[in-house]
Amino acid sequence: MVDTSRGEAPARPAEEPRGCLFALSQPPLMIFLTVIGVLLLLAALHDLFML
């Protein structure tokens, strides 16, 4: 049988570090931040007009 395995792992291209903008572009985080923003907006409007 012929040994076709290599001794070294194949070189992978260097992955760029992912920063804050990548994290903010994730849909679950954006949905969470939108919900929090809407709740804050509703609370502010309630304070302005109802109290």
C-alpha atoms as a PDB file:
ATOM      1  CA  MET A   1       0.000   0.000   0.000  1.00  0.00           C
ATOM      2  CA  VAL A   2       1.279   3.456  -0.849  1.00  0.00           C
ATOM      3  CA  ASP A   3       1.492   5.962   2.007  1.00  0.00           C
ATOM      4  CA  THR A   4      -0.151   9.144   0.691  1.00  0.00           C
ATOM      5  CA  SER A   5      -0.240  11.029   3.997  1.00  0.00           C
ATOM      6  CA  ARG A   6       1.941  14.071   4.410  1.00  0.00           C
ATOM      7  CA  GLY A   7       4.078  14.776   7.416  1.00  0.00           C
ATOM      8  CA  GLU A   8       3.054  18.436   7.643  1.00  0.00           C
ATOM      9  CA  ALA A   9      -0.387  19.939   7.711  1.00  0.00           C
ATOM     10  CA  PRO A  10      -1.195  21.945   4.592  1.00  0.00           C
ATOM     11  CA  ALA A  11      -0.558  25.627   5.006  1.00  0.00           C
ATOM     12  CA  ARG A  12      -3.778  27.573   5.588  1.00  0.00           C
ATOM     13  CA  PRO A  13      -4.076  31.227   4.666  1.00  0.00           C
ATOM     14  CA  ALA A  14      -3.783  33.526   7.644  1.00  0.00           C
ATOM     15  CA  GLU A  15      -7.218  34.366   9.016  1.00  0.00           C
ATOM     16  CA  GLU A  16      -7.850  38.028   9.628  1.00  0.00           C
ATOM     17  CA  PRO A  17      -8.921  38.887  13.156  1.00  0.00           C
ATOM     18  CA  ARG A  18     -12.590  39.763  13.341  1.00  0.00           C
ATOM     19  CA  GLY A  19     -13.316  42.979  15.132  1.00  0.00           C
ATOM     20  CA  CYS A  20     -16.247  44.784  16.672  1.00  0.00           C
ATOM     21  CA  LEU A  21     -17.985  45.530  13.372  1.00  0.00           C
ATOM     22  CA  PHE A  22     -18.144  41.831  12.563  1.00  0.00           C
ATOM     23  CA  ALA A  23     -19.713  41.142  15.965  1.00  0.00           C
ATOM     24  CA  LEU A  24     -22.255  43.933  15.505  1.00  0.00           C
ATOM     25  CA  SER A  25     -23.291  42.591  12.110  1.00  0.00           C
ATOM     26  CA  GLN A  26     -24.588  39.317  13.555  1.00  0.00           C
ATOM     27  CA  PRO A  27     -28.404  39.056  13.292  1.00  0.00           C
ATOM     28  CA  PRO A  28     -29.121  37.820  16.867  1.00  0.00           C
ATOM     29  CA  LEU A  29     -27.161  40.701  18.346  1.00  0.00           C
ATOM     30  CA  MET A  30     -28.849  43.214  16.071  1.00  0.00           C
ATOM     31  CA  ILE A  31     -32.286  41.897  17.058  1.00  0.00           C
ATOM     32  CA  PHE A  32     -31.365  42.103  20.739  1.00  0.00           C
ATOM     33  CA  LEU A  33     -30.062  45.665  20.410  1.00  0.00           C
ATOM     34  CA  THR A  34     -33.175  46.680  18.455  1.00  0.00           C
ATOM     35  CA  VAL A  35     -35.468  45.304  21.161  1.00  0.00           C
ATOM     36  CA  ILE A  36     -33.508  47.103  23.883  1.00  0.00           C
ATOM     37  CA  GLY A  37     -33.575  50.332  21.855  1.00  0.00           C
ATOM     38  CA  VAL A  38     -37.341  50.100  21.333  1.00  0.00           C
ATOM     39  CA  LEU A  39     -37.911  49.482  25.048  1.00  0.00           C
ATOM     40  CA  LEU A  40     -35.782  52.507  25.928  1.00  0.00           C
ATOM     41  CA  LEU A  41     -37.645  54.619  23.377  1.00  0.00           C
ATOM     42  CA  LEU A  42     -41.027  53.537  24.735  1.00  0.00           C
ATOM     43  CA  ALA A  43     -39.920  54.294  28.297  1.00  0.00           C
ATOM     44  CA  ALA A  44     -38.697  57.747  27.262  1.00  0.00           C
ATOM     45  CA  LEU A  45     -41.924  58.519  25.403  1.00  0.00           C
ATOM     46  CA  HIS A  46     -43.947  57.313  28.360  1.00  0.00           C
ATOM     47  CA  ASP A  47     -42.003  59.622  30.688  1.00  0.00           C
ATOM     48  CA  LEU A  48     -42.396  62.567  28.335  1.00  0.00           C
ATOM     49  CA  PHE A  49     -46.091  62.301  27.553  1.00  0.00           C
ATOM     50  CA  MET A  50     -47.748  60.243  30.280  1.00  0.00           C
ATOM     51  CA  LEU A  51     -46.121  61.526  33.474  1.00  0.00           C
END
